[in-house]
């Protein structure tokens, strides 16, 4: 009969296996693109958003919620990101295709 602090179970002196490595980090978005997405997703009625950036040009695509008026939604998205616009840039806004 085992005494206090003893066990009949065999002792395993082998170290515990290392936990699996976390997945590789996703490349960080540039701060301006990240902020653009934050502002766009903050607009009520946006269910998905994509931002493309080229020198001198930014395009924003959104997918509206079912009951959102598309033209009104695009106007609100454009207004939400207006503070990020640079004077020499062209910004385009449009709708994403449904899945």
PDB file of N, CA and C in Angstrom:
ATOM      1  N   UNK A   1       0.850  -1.162   0.000  1.00  0.00           N
ATOM      2  CA  UNK A   1       0.000   0.000   0.000  1.00  0.00           C
ATOM      3  C   UNK A   1       0.902   1.233   0.000  1.00  0.00           C
ATOM      4  N   UNK A   2       0.612   2.168  -0.921  1.00  0.00           N
ATOM      5  CA  UNK A   2       1.458   3.348  -0.979  1.00  0.00           C
ATOM      6  C   UNK A   2       1.233   4.237   0.236  1.00  0.00           C
ATOM      7  N   UNK A   3       2.309   4.918   0.641  1.00  0.00           N
ATOM      8  CA  UNK A   3       2.211   5.859   1.744  1.00  0.00           C
ATOM      9  C   UNK A   3       1.788   7.223   1.232  1.00  0.00           C
ATOM     10  N   UNK A   4       1.754   8.156   2.133  1.00  0.00           N
ATOM     11  CA  UNK A   4       1.356   9.510   1.779  1.00  0.00           C
ATOM     12  C   UNK A   4       2.328  10.065   0.748  1.00  0.00           C
ATOM     13  N   UNK A   5       1.780  10.602  -0.382  1.00  0.00           N
ATOM     14  CA  UNK A   5       2.607  11.185  -1.428  1.00  0.00           C
ATOM     15  C   UNK A   5       3.202  10.158  -2.369  1.00  0.00           C
ATOM     16  N   UNK A   6       2.850   8.890  -2.213  1.00  0.00           N
ATOM     17  CA  UNK A   6       3.358   7.854  -3.102  1.00  0.00           C
ATOM     18  C   UNK A   6       2.224   7.374  -3.996  1.00  0.00           C
ATOM     19  N   UNK A   7       2.580   6.711  -5.073  1.00  0.00           N
ATOM     20  CA  UNK A   7       1.585   6.222  -6.008  1.00  0.00           C
ATOM     21  C   UNK A   7       2.032   4.881  -6.553  1.00  0.00           C
ATOM     22  N   UNK A   8       1.081   4.058  -6.940  1.00  0.00           N
ATOM     23  CA  UNK A   8       1.371   2.791  -7.602  1.00  0.00           C
ATOM     24  C   UNK A   8       1.599   2.995  -9.097  1.00  0.00           C
ATOM     25  N   UNK A   9       1.320   4.228  -9.596  1.00  0.00           N
ATOM     26  CA  UNK A   9       1.480   4.490 -11.020  1.00  0.00           C
ATOM     27  C   UNK A   9       2.955   4.623 -11.346  1.00  0.00           C
ATOM     28  N   UNK A  10       3.372   4.127 -12.523  1.00  0.00           N
ATOM     29  CA  UNK A  10       4.780   4.268 -12.890  1.00  0.00           C
ATOM     30  C   UNK A  10       5.129   5.740 -13.105  1.00  0.00           C
ATOM     31  N   UNK A  11       6.333   6.115 -12.740  1.00  0.00           N
ATOM     32  CA  UNK A  11       6.785   7.485 -12.943  1.00  0.00           C
ATOM     33  C   UNK A  11       7.288   7.654 -14.351  1.00  0.00           C
ATOM     34  N   UNK A  12       6.931   8.750 -14.925  1.00  0.00           N
ATOM     35  CA  UNK A  12       7.381   9.047 -16.278  1.00  0.00           C
ATOM     36  C   UNK A  12       8.356  10.208 -16.195  1.00  0.00           C
ATOM     37  N   UNK A  13       9.633   9.908 -16.368  1.00  0.00           N
ATOM     38  CA  UNK A  13      10.651  10.941 -16.278  1.00  0.00           C
ATOM     39  C   UNK A  13      10.866  11.678 -17.593  1.00  0.00           C
ATOM     40  N   UNK A  14      10.223  11.220 -18.669  1.00  0.00           N
ATOM     41  CA  UNK A  14      10.406  11.866 -19.966  1.00  0.00           C
ATOM     42  C   UNK A  14       9.723  13.234 -19.951  1.00  0.00           C
ATOM     43  N   UNK A  15      10.354  14.236 -20.550  1.00  0.00           N
ATOM     44  CA  UNK A  15       9.721  15.563 -20.580  1.00  0.00           C
ATOM     45  C   UNK A  15       8.461  15.534 -21.440  1.00  0.00           C
ATOM     46  N   UNK A  16       7.522  16.379 -21.068  1.00  0.00           N
ATOM     47  CA  UNK A  16       6.274  16.477 -21.842  1.00  0.00           C
ATOM     48  C   UNK A  16       6.601  16.991 -23.236  1.00  0.00           C
ATOM     49  N   UNK A  17       5.868  16.506 -24.242  1.00  0.00           N
ATOM     50  CA  UNK A  17       6.138  16.995 -25.603  1.00  0.00           C
ATOM     51  C   UNK A  17       5.834  18.491 -25.698  1.00  0.00           C
ATOM     52  N   UNK A  18       6.583  19.158 -26.515  1.00  0.00           N
ATOM     53  CA  UNK A  18       6.386  20.597 -26.710  1.00  0.00           C
ATOM     54  C   UNK A  18       5.050  20.839 -27.401  1.00  0.00           C
ATOM     55  N   UNK A  19       4.365  21.910 -27.040  1.00  0.00           N
ATOM     56  CA  UNK A  19       3.102  22.212 -27.730  1.00  0.00           C
ATOM     57  C   UNK A  19       3.378  22.538 -29.189  1.00  0.00           C
ATOM     58  N   UNK A  20       2.386  22.348 -30.038  1.00  0.00           N
ATOM     59  CA  UNK A  20       2.606  22.649 -31.455  1.00  0.00           C
ATOM     60  C   UNK A  20       2.930  24.126 -31.645  1.00  0.00           C
ATOM     61  N   UNK A  21       3.743  24.390 -32.613  1.00  0.00           N
ATOM     62  CA  UNK A  21       4.125  25.774 -32.909  1.00  0.00           C
ATOM     63  C   UNK A  21       2.910  26.539 -33.419  1.00  0.00           C
ATOM     64  N   UNK A  22       2.777  27.796 -33.034  1.00  0.00           N
ATOM     65  CA  UNK A  22       1.650  28.588 -33.549  1.00  0.00           C
ATOM     66  C   UNK A  22       1.832  28.809 -35.037  1.00  0.00           C
ATOM     67  N   UNK A  23       0.731  29.058 -35.731  1.00  0.00           N
ATOM     68  CA  UNK A  23       0.852  29.305 -37.173  1.00  0.00           C
ATOM     69  C   UNK A  23       1.691  30.555 -37.422  1.00  0.00           C
ATOM     70  N   UNK A  24       2.282  30.595 -38.578  1.00  0.00           N
ATOM     71  CA  UNK A  24       3.093  31.760 -38.939  1.00  0.00           C
ATOM     72  C   UNK A  24       2.215  33.005 -38.917  1.00  0.00           C
ATOM     73  N   UNK A  25       2.740  34.121 -38.401  1.00  0.00           N
ATOM     74  CA  UNK A  25       1.914  35.328 -38.333  1.00  0.00           C
ATOM     75  C   UNK A  25       1.573  35.837 -39.724  1.00  0.00           C
ATOM     76  N   UNK A  26       0.379  36.357 -39.839  1.00  0.00           N
ATOM     77  CA  UNK A  26      -0.055  36.951 -41.096  1.00  0.00           C
ATOM     78  C   UNK A  26       0.698  38.269 -41.255  1.00  0.00           C
ATOM     79  N   UNK A  27       1.095  38.537 -42.455  1.00  0.00           N
ATOM     80  CA  UNK A  27       1.814  39.785 -42.693  1.00  0.00           C
ATOM     81  C   UNK A  27       0.967  40.953 -42.200  1.00  0.00           C
ATOM     82  N   UNK A  28       1.575  41.802 -41.438  1.00  0.00           N
ATOM     83  CA  UNK A  28       0.855  42.945 -40.879  1.00  0.00           C
ATOM     84  C   UNK A  28       0.449  43.901 -41.998  1.00  0.00           C
ATOM     85  N   UNK A  29      -0.756  44.407 -41.886  1.00  0.00           N
ATOM     86  CA  UNK A  29      -1.220  45.394 -42.852  1.00  0.00           C
ATOM     87  C   UNK A  29      -0.573  46.744 -42.549  1.00  0.00           C
ATOM     88  N   UNK A  30      -0.323  47.522 -43.572  1.00  0.00           N
ATOM     89  CA  UNK A  30       0.147  48.883 -43.306  1.00  0.00           C
ATOM     90  C   UNK A  30      -0.891  49.628 -42.464  1.00  0.00           C
ATOM     91  N   UNK A  31      -0.460  50.490 -41.567  1.00  0.00           N
ATOM     92  CA  UNK A  31      -1.399  51.169 -40.664  1.00  0.00           C
ATOM     93  C   UNK A  31      -2.532  51.898 -41.384  1.00  0.00           C
ATOM     94  N   UNK A  32      -2.235  52.519 -42.484  1.00  0.00           N
ATOM     95  CA  UNK A  32      -3.281  53.275 -43.206  1.00  0.00           C
ATOM     96  C   UNK A  32      -4.347  52.353 -43.781  1.00  0.00           C
ATOM     97  N   UNK A  33      -3.943  51.210 -44.311  1.00  0.00           N
ATOM     98  CA  UNK A  33      -4.906  50.244 -44.849  1.00  0.00           C
ATOM     99  C   UNK A  33      -5.726  49.651 -43.711  1.00  0.00           C
ATOM    100  N   UNK A  34      -5.061  49.316 -42.606  1.00  0.00           N
ATOM    101  CA  UNK A  34      -5.766  48.780 -41.442  1.00  0.00           C
ATOM    102  C   UNK A  34      -6.809  49.779 -40.947  1.00  0.00           C
ATOM    103  N   UNK A  35      -6.423  51.067 -40.874  1.00  0.00           N
ATOM    104  CA  UNK A  35      -7.360  52.095 -40.409  1.00  0.00           C
ATOM    105  C   UNK A  35      -8.516  52.260 -41.388  1.00  0.00           C
ATOM    106  N   UNK A  36      -8.232  52.171 -42.674  1.00  0.00           N
ATOM    107  CA  UNK A  36      -9.295  52.246 -43.675  1.00  0.00           C
ATOM    108  C   UNK A  36     -10.308  51.132 -43.455  1.00  0.00           C
ATOM    109  N   UNK A  37      -9.817  49.913 -43.261  1.00  0.00           N
ATOM    110  CA  UNK A  37     -10.731  48.787 -43.018  1.00  0.00           C
ATOM    111  C   UNK A  37     -11.525  48.977 -41.732  1.00  0.00           C
ATOM    112  N   UNK A  38     -10.882  49.475 -40.680  1.00  0.00           N
ATOM    113  CA  UNK A  38     -11.597  49.720 -39.421  1.00  0.00           C
ATOM    114  C   UNK A  38     -12.737  50.705 -39.628  1.00  0.00           C
ATOM    115  N   UNK A  39     -12.460  51.783 -40.351  1.00  0.00           N
ATOM    116  CA  UNK A  39     -13.495  52.788 -40.592  1.00  0.00           C
ATOM    117  C   UNK A  39     -14.616  52.240 -41.468  1.00  0.00           C
ATOM    118  N   UNK A  40     -14.253  51.486 -42.497  1.00  0.00           N
ATOM    119  CA  UNK A  40     -15.268  50.932 -43.398  1.00  0.00           C
ATOM    120  C   UNK A  40     -16.166  49.940 -42.659  1.00  0.00           C
ATOM    121  N   UNK A  41     -15.562  49.041 -41.870  1.00  0.00           N
ATOM    122  CA  UNK A  41     -16.367  48.081 -41.114  1.00  0.00           C
ATOM    123  C   UNK A  41     -17.196  48.767 -40.023  1.00  0.00           C
ATOM    124  N   UNK A  42     -16.844  49.976 -39.658  1.00  0.00           N
ATOM    125  CA  UNK A  42     -17.622  50.723 -38.682  1.00  0.00           C
ATOM    126  C   UNK A  42     -18.899  51.314 -39.250  1.00  0.00           C
ATOM    127  N   UNK A  43     -19.048  51.285 -40.566  1.00  0.00           N
ATOM    128  CA  UNK A  43     -20.253  51.810 -41.208  1.00  0.00           C
ATOM    129  C   UNK A  43     -21.359  50.754 -41.125  1.00  0.00           C
ATOM    130  N   UNK A  44     -22.484  51.145 -40.579  1.00  0.00           N
ATOM    131  CA  UNK A  44     -23.607  50.214 -40.448  1.00  0.00           C
ATOM    132  C   UNK A  44     -24.058  49.749 -41.831  1.00  0.00           C
ATOM    133  N   UNK A  45     -24.221  48.448 -41.979  1.00  0.00           N
ATOM    134  CA  UNK A  45     -24.665  47.874 -43.239  1.00  0.00           C
ATOM    135  C   UNK A  45     -23.551  47.224 -44.042  1.00  0.00           C
ATOM    136  N   UNK A  46     -22.298  47.388 -43.622  1.00  0.00           N
ATOM    137  CA  UNK A  46     -21.164  46.749 -44.317  1.00  0.00           C
ATOM    138  C   UNK A  46     -20.967  45.360 -43.720  1.00  0.00           C
ATOM    139  N   UNK A  47     -21.042  44.334 -44.569  1.00  0.00           N
ATOM    140  CA  UNK A  47     -20.827  42.966 -44.099  1.00  0.00           C
ATOM    141  C   UNK A  47     -19.472  42.411 -44.527  1.00  0.00           C
ATOM    142  N   UNK A  48     -18.846  43.013 -45.519  1.00  0.00           N
ATOM    143  CA  UNK A  48     -17.509  42.603 -45.964  1.00  0.00           C
ATOM    144  C   UNK A  48     -16.860  43.803 -46.626  1.00  0.00           C
ATOM    145  N   UNK A  49     -15.535  43.849 -46.572  1.00  0.00           N
ATOM    146  CA  UNK A  49     -14.816  44.975 -47.183  1.00  0.00           C
ATOM    147  C   UNK A  49     -13.459  44.511 -47.679  1.00  0.00           C
ATOM    148  N   UNK A  50     -13.011  45.139 -48.746  1.00  0.00           N
ATOM    149  CA  UNK A  50     -11.675  44.911 -49.295  1.00  0.00           C
ATOM    150  C   UNK A  50     -11.102  46.271 -49.672  1.00  0.00           C
ATOM    151  N   UNK A  51      -9.798  46.423 -49.493  1.00  0.00           N
ATOM    152  CA  UNK A  51      -9.126  47.666 -49.865  1.00  0.00           C
ATOM    153  C   UNK A  51      -7.920  47.310 -50.726  1.00  0.00           C
ATOM    154  N   UNK A  52      -7.800  47.985 -51.841  1.00  0.00           N
ATOM    155  CA  UNK A  52      -6.647  47.840 -52.722  1.00  0.00           C
ATOM    156  C   UNK A  52      -5.933  49.174 -52.770  1.00  0.00           C
ATOM    157  N   UNK A  53      -4.600  49.130 -52.763  1.00  0.00           N
ATOM    158  CA  UNK A  53      -3.831  50.366 -52.754  1.00  0.00           C
ATOM    159  C   UNK A  53      -2.708  50.283 -53.772  1.00  0.00           C
ATOM    160  N   UNK A  54      -2.618  51.293 -54.608  1.00  0.00           N
ATOM    161  CA  UNK A  54      -1.532  51.482 -55.548  1.00  0.00           C
ATOM    162  C   UNK A  54      -1.011  52.896 -55.352  1.00  0.00           C
ATOM    163  N   UNK A  55       0.167  53.203 -55.804  1.00  0.00           N
ATOM    164  CA  UNK A  55       0.644  54.582 -55.679  1.00  0.00           C
ATOM    165  C   UNK A  55      -0.347  55.557 -56.331  1.00  0.00           C
ATOM    166  N   UNK A  56      -0.859  56.480 -55.535  1.00  0.00           N
ATOM    167  CA  UNK A  56      -1.788  57.483 -56.041  1.00  0.00           C
ATOM    168  C   UNK A  56      -3.227  57.030 -56.194  1.00  0.00           C
ATOM    169  N   UNK A  57      -3.534  55.802 -55.784  1.00  0.00           N
ATOM    170  CA  UNK A  57      -4.900  55.303 -55.983  1.00  0.00           C
ATOM    171  C   UNK A  57      -5.278  54.306 -54.889  1.00  0.00           C
ATOM    172  N   UNK A  58      -6.514  54.412 -54.410  1.00  0.00           N
ATOM    173  CA  UNK A  58      -7.069  53.488 -53.428  1.00  0.00           C
ATOM    174  C   UNK A  58      -8.453  53.088 -53.910  1.00  0.00           C
ATOM    175  N   UNK A  59      -8.753  51.806 -53.843  1.00  0.00           N
ATOM    176  CA  UNK A  59     -10.087  51.316 -54.175  1.00  0.00           C
ATOM    177  C   UNK A  59     -10.661  50.591 -52.969  1.00  0.00           C
ATOM    178  N   UNK A  60     -11.921  50.850 -52.691  1.00  0.00           N
ATOM    179  CA  UNK A  60     -12.608  50.239 -51.561  1.00  0.00           C
ATOM    180  C   UNK A  60     -13.837  49.525 -52.102  1.00  0.00           C
ATOM    181  N   UNK A  61     -13.940  48.247 -51.782  1.00  0.00           N
ATOM    182  CA  UNK A  61     -15.114  47.469 -52.162  1.00  0.00           C
ATOM    183  C   UNK A  61     -15.824  46.992 -50.915  1.00  0.00           C
ATOM    184  N   UNK A  62     -17.148  47.077 -50.915  1.00  0.00           N
ATOM    185  CA  UNK A  62     -17.932  46.637 -49.761  1.00  0.00           C
ATOM    186  C   UNK A  62     -19.064  45.729 -50.216  1.00  0.00           C
ATOM    187  N   UNK A  63     -19.477  44.864 -49.309  1.00  0.00           N
ATOM    188  CA  UNK A  63     -20.661  44.037 -49.523  1.00  0.00           C
ATOM    189  C   UNK A  63     -21.718  44.537 -48.544  1.00  0.00           C
ATOM    190  N   UNK A  64     -22.863  44.977 -49.052  1.00  0.00           N
ATOM    191  CA  UNK A  64     -23.895  45.519 -48.171  1.00  0.00           C
ATOM    192  C   UNK A  64     -24.727  44.423 -47.510  1.00  0.00           C
ATOM    193  N   UNK A  65     -25.287  44.766 -46.356  1.00  0.00           N
ATOM    194  CA  UNK A  65     -26.262  43.888 -45.707  1.00  0.00           C
ATOM    195  C   UNK A  65     -27.499  43.838 -46.587  1.00  0.00           C
ATOM    196  N   UNK A  66     -28.326  42.841 -46.353  1.00  0.00           N
ATOM    197  CA  UNK A  66     -29.506  42.613 -47.201  1.00  0.00           C
ATOM    198  C   UNK A  66     -30.397  43.839 -47.360  1.00  0.00           C
ATOM    199  N   UNK A  67     -30.640  44.539 -46.291  1.00  0.00           N
ATOM    200  CA  UNK A  67     -31.615  45.621 -46.345  1.00  0.00           C
ATOM    201  C   UNK A  67     -30.980  46.999 -46.509  1.00  0.00           C
ATOM    202  N   UNK A  68     -29.717  47.054 -46.892  1.00  0.00           N
ATOM    203  CA  UNK A  68     -29.044  48.339 -47.063  1.00  0.00           C
ATOM    204  C   UNK A  68     -29.241  48.870 -48.470  1.00  0.00           C
ATOM    205  N   UNK A  69     -29.493  50.161 -48.567  1.00  0.00           N
ATOM    206  CA  UNK A  69     -29.547  50.823 -49.871  1.00  0.00           C
ATOM    207  C   UNK A  69     -28.111  51.007 -50.346  1.00  0.00           C
ATOM    208  N   UNK A  70     -27.793  50.439 -51.485  1.00  0.00           N
ATOM    209  CA  UNK A  70     -26.400  50.398 -51.943  1.00  0.00           C
ATOM    210  C   UNK A  70     -25.793  51.778 -52.152  1.00  0.00           C
ATOM    211  N   UNK A  71     -26.501  52.673 -52.803  1.00  0.00           N
ATOM    212  CA  UNK A  71     -25.931  53.999 -53.067  1.00  0.00           C
ATOM    213  C   UNK A  71     -25.730  54.778 -51.770  1.00  0.00           C
ATOM    214  N   UNK A  72     -26.648  54.645 -50.831  1.00  0.00           N
ATOM    215  CA  UNK A  72     -26.519  55.312 -49.537  1.00  0.00           C
ATOM    216  C   UNK A  72     -25.344  54.725 -48.762  1.00  0.00           C
ATOM    217  N   UNK A  73     -25.174  53.416 -48.815  1.00  0.00           N
ATOM    218  CA  UNK A  73     -24.070  52.769 -48.118  1.00  0.00           C
ATOM    219  C   UNK A  73     -22.732  53.254 -48.675  1.00  0.00           C
ATOM    220  N   UNK A  74     -22.592  53.300 -49.984  1.00  0.00           N
ATOM    221  CA  UNK A  74     -21.343  53.763 -50.585  1.00  0.00           C
ATOM    222  C   UNK A  74     -21.056  55.212 -50.195  1.00  0.00           C
ATOM    223  N   UNK A  75     -22.078  56.042 -50.119  1.00  0.00           N
ATOM    224  CA  UNK A  75     -21.902  57.431 -49.706  1.00  0.00           C
ATOM    225  C   UNK A  75     -21.387  57.503 -48.267  1.00  0.00           C
ATOM    226  N   UNK A  76     -21.960  56.666 -47.384  1.00  0.00           N
ATOM    227  CA  UNK A  76     -21.526  56.666 -45.986  1.00  0.00           C
ATOM    228  C   UNK A  76     -20.106  56.127 -45.834  1.00  0.00           C
ATOM    229  N   UNK A  77     -19.739  55.125 -46.612  1.00  0.00           N
ATOM    230  CA  UNK A  77     -18.368  54.592 -46.581  1.00  0.00           C
ATOM    231  C   UNK A  77     -17.389  55.665 -47.051  1.00  0.00           C
ATOM    232  N   UNK A  78     -17.731  56.329 -48.139  1.00  0.00           N
ATOM    233  CA  UNK A  78     -16.867  57.391 -48.659  1.00  0.00           C
ATOM    234  C   UNK A  78     -16.680  58.494 -47.609  1.00  0.00           C
ATOM    235  N   UNK A  79     -17.744  58.866 -46.945  1.00  0.00           N
ATOM    236  CA  UNK A  79     -17.667  59.889 -45.903  1.00  0.00           C
ATOM    237  C   UNK A  79     -16.806  59.408 -44.722  1.00  0.00           C
ATOM    238  N   UNK A  80     -16.932  58.128 -44.353  1.00  0.00           N
ATOM    239  CA  UNK A  80     -16.197  57.582 -43.204  1.00  0.00           C
ATOM    240  C   UNK A  80     -14.687  57.638 -43.399  1.00  0.00           C
ATOM    241  N   UNK A  81     -14.224  57.458 -44.619  1.00  0.00           N
ATOM    242  CA  UNK A  81     -12.778  57.430 -44.867  1.00  0.00           C
ATOM    243  C   UNK A  81     -12.237  58.738 -45.426  1.00  0.00           C
ATOM    244  N   UNK A  82     -13.074  59.754 -45.513  1.00  0.00           N
ATOM    245  CA  UNK A  82     -12.646  61.008 -46.139  1.00  0.00           C
ATOM    246  C   UNK A  82     -11.439  61.627 -45.447  1.00  0.00           C
ATOM    247  N   UNK A  83     -11.283  61.432 -44.153  1.00  0.00           N
ATOM    248  CA  UNK A  83     -10.151  61.990 -43.437  1.00  0.00           C
ATOM    249  C   UNK A  83      -8.820  61.338 -43.765  1.00  0.00           C
ATOM    250  N   UNK A  84      -8.848  60.178 -44.397  1.00  0.00           N
ATOM    251  CA  UNK A  84      -7.614  59.467 -44.751  1.00  0.00           C
ATOM    252  C   UNK A  84      -7.090  59.851 -46.131  1.00  0.00           C
ATOM    253  N   UNK A  85      -7.904  60.534 -46.891  1.00  0.00           N
ATOM    254  CA  UNK A  85      -7.531  60.851 -48.273  1.00  0.00           C
ATOM    255  C   UNK A  85      -6.382  61.847 -48.336  1.00  0.00           C
ATOM    256  N   UNK A  86      -5.462  61.574 -49.243  1.00  0.00           N
ATOM    257  CA  UNK A  86      -4.374  62.495 -49.544  1.00  0.00           C
ATOM    258  C   UNK A  86      -4.803  63.322 -50.760  1.00  0.00           C
ATOM    259  N   UNK A  87      -4.362  64.571 -50.854  1.00  0.00           N
ATOM    260  CA  UNK A  87      -4.814  65.440 -51.952  1.00  0.00           C
ATOM    261  C   UNK A  87      -4.514  64.896 -53.350  1.00  0.00           C
ATOM    262  N   UNK A  88      -3.424  64.181 -53.515  1.00  0.00           N
ATOM    263  CA  UNK A  88      -3.035  63.712 -54.853  1.00  0.00           C
ATOM    264  C   UNK A  88      -3.516  62.296 -55.162  1.00  0.00           C
ATOM    265  N   UNK A  89      -4.434  61.758 -54.358  1.00  0.00           N
ATOM    266  CA  UNK A  89      -4.905  60.384 -54.567  1.00  0.00           C
ATOM    267  C   UNK A  89      -6.296  60.350 -55.197  1.00  0.00           C
ATOM    268  N   UNK A  90      -6.524  59.282 -55.922  1.00  0.00           N
ATOM    269  CA  UNK A  90      -7.850  58.985 -56.442  1.00  0.00           C
ATOM    270  C   UNK A  90      -8.407  57.824 -55.644  1.00  0.00           C
ATOM    271  N   UNK A  91      -9.620  57.981 -55.135  1.00  0.00           N
ATOM    272  CA  UNK A  91     -10.292  56.913 -54.384  1.00  0.00           C
ATOM    273  C   UNK A  91     -11.508  56.469 -55.173  1.00  0.00           C
ATOM    274  N   UNK A  92     -11.693  55.151 -55.287  1.00  0.00           N
ATOM    275  CA  UNK A  92     -12.856  54.561 -55.948  1.00  0.00           C
ATOM    276  C   UNK A  92     -13.620  53.729 -54.930  1.00  0.00           C
ATOM    277  N   UNK A  93     -14.918  53.713 -55.063  1.00  0.00           N
ATOM    278  CA  UNK A  93     -15.771  52.943 -54.156  1.00  0.00           C
ATOM    279  C   UNK A  93     -16.715  52.112 -54.998  1.00  0.00           C
ATOM    280  N   UNK A  94     -16.910  50.860 -54.579  1.00  0.00           N
ATOM    281  CA  UNK A  94     -17.802  49.983 -55.317  1.00  0.00           C
ATOM    282  C   UNK A  94     -18.289  48.838 -54.457  1.00  0.00           C
ATOM    283  N   UNK A  95     -19.114  48.001 -55.079  1.00  0.00           N
ATOM    284  CA  UNK A  95     -19.710  46.863 -54.389  1.00  0.00           C
ATOM    285  C   UNK A  95     -18.973  45.580 -54.747  1.00  0.00           C
ATOM    286  N   UNK A  96     -18.798  44.722 -53.749  1.00  0.00           N
ATOM    287  CA  UNK A  96     -18.203  43.411 -53.969  1.00  0.00           C
ATOM    288  C   UNK A  96     -19.295  42.451 -54.442  1.00  0.00           C
ATOM    289  N   UNK A  97     -18.916  41.484 -55.256  1.00  0.00           N
ATOM    290  CA  UNK A  97     -19.852  40.446 -55.678  1.00  0.00           C
ATOM    291  C   UNK A  97     -20.262  39.606 -54.471  1.00  0.00           C
ATOM    292  N   UNK A  98     -21.463  39.071 -54.516  1.00  0.00           N
ATOM    293  CA  UNK A  98     -21.927  38.162 -53.471  1.00  0.00           C
ATOM    294  C   UNK A  98     -21.287  36.812 -53.652  1.00  0.00           C
ATOM    295  N   UNK A  99     -21.068  36.110 -52.538  1.00  0.00           N
ATOM    296  CA  UNK A  99     -20.505  34.748 -52.609  1.00  0.00           C
ATOM    297  C   UNK A  99     -21.539  33.766 -53.096  1.00  0.00           C
TER     298      UNK A  99
END
